[in-house]
Structures are given as structure tokens and as C-alpha cells.
Amino acid sequence: LALELAGKKFAVQGNDFSLHMLFASDYLLNACGGTVPGLARNHEISPYLGSTMNRNRVYDSVKKHVVPDVDPQKLLYGDEEGVEEGGVDF
């Protein structure tokens, strides 16, 4: 959500409360994307694979989603100063 708001030129701050979340958001925002021609680092995940909830049909549990669905570096091109990341514990 913070990336989408930053893409619309809002100043945002993402708050992650664990080291694992900070590593994951750093990887998705900085390492993924199509900065190298022909080498887009997108990953397919199946978030509902082990769950029987939040699905309408039987095959929804094996449906794959591409992460990230947009290139974060192209979305924020030239406007990185409006995005901050904080590691906090509430």
C-alpha cells in the first residue's frame, strides 16, 4: 500500500516490526524489478496453498500470484525521497 501511495506522489513511511519483514520489503523494493534488461526478478507464490479459507473454488488454493506485480523502481523513478522505511516495535 505504501508503494502504491508513493507512486501517486504522496510522502509515505512503511513500518515493519520484525527483521524478517525489513529484509522482505528491502528485497521486494530494491532487488526485484526489471532494472537489468531481460532479467525481471518476479516470483510466483501460492498464498492459500495450505489453507481452506478465503477461497471460492477448489482451485483457488493453488492459484499463483506474481510478486511484485509492478516494477517498484519504475513506479518510483525520480521520486525516492518521498519514501521512508522504519523498523519499530509497538
Protein backbone atom coordinates (compact mmCIF):
# COMPACT_ATOMS: atom_id res chain seq x y z
CA LEU A 1 0.00 0.00 0.00
CA ALA A 2 2.84 2.39 0.81
CA LEU A 3 4.40 1.80 -2.61
CA GLU A 4 1.12 2.49 -4.39
CA LEU A 5 0.64 5.74 -2.46
CA ALA A 6 4.23 6.79 -3.16
CA GLY A 7 3.60 6.13 -6.85
CA LYS A 8 0.78 8.70 -6.64
CA LYS A 9 3.29 11.27 -5.27
CA PHE A 10 2.34 11.06 -1.58
CA ALA A 11 5.02 11.06 1.11
CA VAL A 12 4.83 7.70 2.89
CA GLN A 13 6.58 5.77 5.62
CA GLY A 14 6.47 1.98 5.89
CA ASN A 15 6.69 0.49 9.38
CA ASP A 16 7.92 -3.06 9.86
CA PHE A 17 8.19 -4.55 13.31
CA SER A 18 10.45 -7.53 12.66
CA LEU A 19 13.78 -8.09 10.99
CA HIS A 20 12.23 -10.61 8.60
CA MET A 21 9.72 -8.03 7.39
CA LEU A 22 12.50 -5.49 6.85
CA PHE A 23 14.53 -7.99 4.81
CA ALA A 24 11.49 -8.95 2.72
CA SER A 25 10.46 -5.36 1.97
CA ASP A 26 14.07 -4.41 1.16
CA TYR A 27 14.31 -7.33 -1.27
CA LEU A 28 10.98 -6.59 -2.96
CA LEU A 29 11.58 -2.84 -3.28
CA ASN A 30 15.28 -2.82 -4.19
CA ALA A 31 16.28 -6.18 -5.68
CA CYS A 32 13.14 -7.15 -7.60
CA GLY A 33 12.07 -5.47 -10.78
CA GLY A 34 13.27 -5.08 -14.31
CA THR A 35 16.35 -2.90 -13.93
CA VAL A 36 18.55 -5.33 -15.88
CA PRO A 37 17.17 -5.91 -19.40
CA GLY A 38 15.76 -9.40 -19.75
CA LEU A 39 16.18 -10.18 -16.05
CA ALA A 40 12.97 -9.40 -14.20
CA ARG A 41 13.07 -10.87 -10.73
CA ASN A 42 9.44 -11.75 -10.17
CA HIS A 43 8.37 -14.66 -8.04
CA GLU A 44 5.23 -16.76 -8.17
CA ILE A 45 3.66 -17.59 -4.83
CA SER A 46 0.58 -19.53 -3.79
CA PRO A 47 -0.53 -17.81 -0.57
CA TYR A 48 -3.56 -20.04 0.07
CA LEU A 49 -1.87 -23.37 -0.60
CA GLY A 50 -2.20 -24.75 2.90
CA SER A 51 -5.47 -23.04 3.78
CA THR A 52 -9.09 -23.96 3.17
CA MET A 53 -10.33 -20.45 3.99
CA ASN A 54 -10.56 -17.37 1.74
CA ARG A 55 -11.33 -19.23 -1.44
CA ASN A 56 -14.39 -19.52 -3.66
CA ARG A 57 -13.49 -22.57 -5.72
CA VAL A 58 -11.36 -25.66 -5.13
CA TYR A 59 -8.62 -24.43 -7.47
CA ASP A 60 -8.26 -21.06 -5.71
CA SER A 61 -5.85 -22.62 -3.20
CA VAL A 62 -3.30 -23.41 -5.93
CA LYS A 63 -3.69 -20.14 -7.82
CA LYS A 64 -0.34 -18.41 -8.31
CA HIS A 65 0.28 -14.71 -7.85
CA VAL A 66 3.29 -12.79 -9.18
CA VAL A 67 5.21 -10.78 -6.57
CA PRO A 68 5.86 -7.91 -7.11
CA ASP A 69 3.06 -7.26 -9.58
CA VAL A 70 4.57 -3.90 -10.65
CA ASP A 71 8.17 -2.82 -11.02
CA PRO A 72 8.83 -0.75 -7.88
CA GLN A 73 11.81 1.05 -9.37
CA LYS A 74 9.85 2.21 -12.42
CA LEU A 75 6.92 3.25 -10.23
CA LEU A 76 9.14 5.45 -8.04
CA TYR A 77 11.56 6.65 -10.72
CA GLY A 78 12.91 10.05 -9.70
CA ASP A 79 10.82 10.34 -6.52
CA GLU A 80 12.60 8.19 -3.94
CA GLU A 81 12.82 11.00 -1.37
CA GLY A 82 9.11 10.62 -0.51
CA VAL A 83 9.52 7.04 0.71
CA GLU A 84 10.82 6.10 4.15
CA GLU A 85 11.13 2.77 5.93
CA GLY A 86 11.12 2.39 9.68
CA GLY A 87 11.71 -0.53 11.98
CA VAL A 88 9.54 -0.09 15.06
CA ASP A 89 8.00 -2.21 17.77
CA PHE A 90 4.67 -1.06 19.12
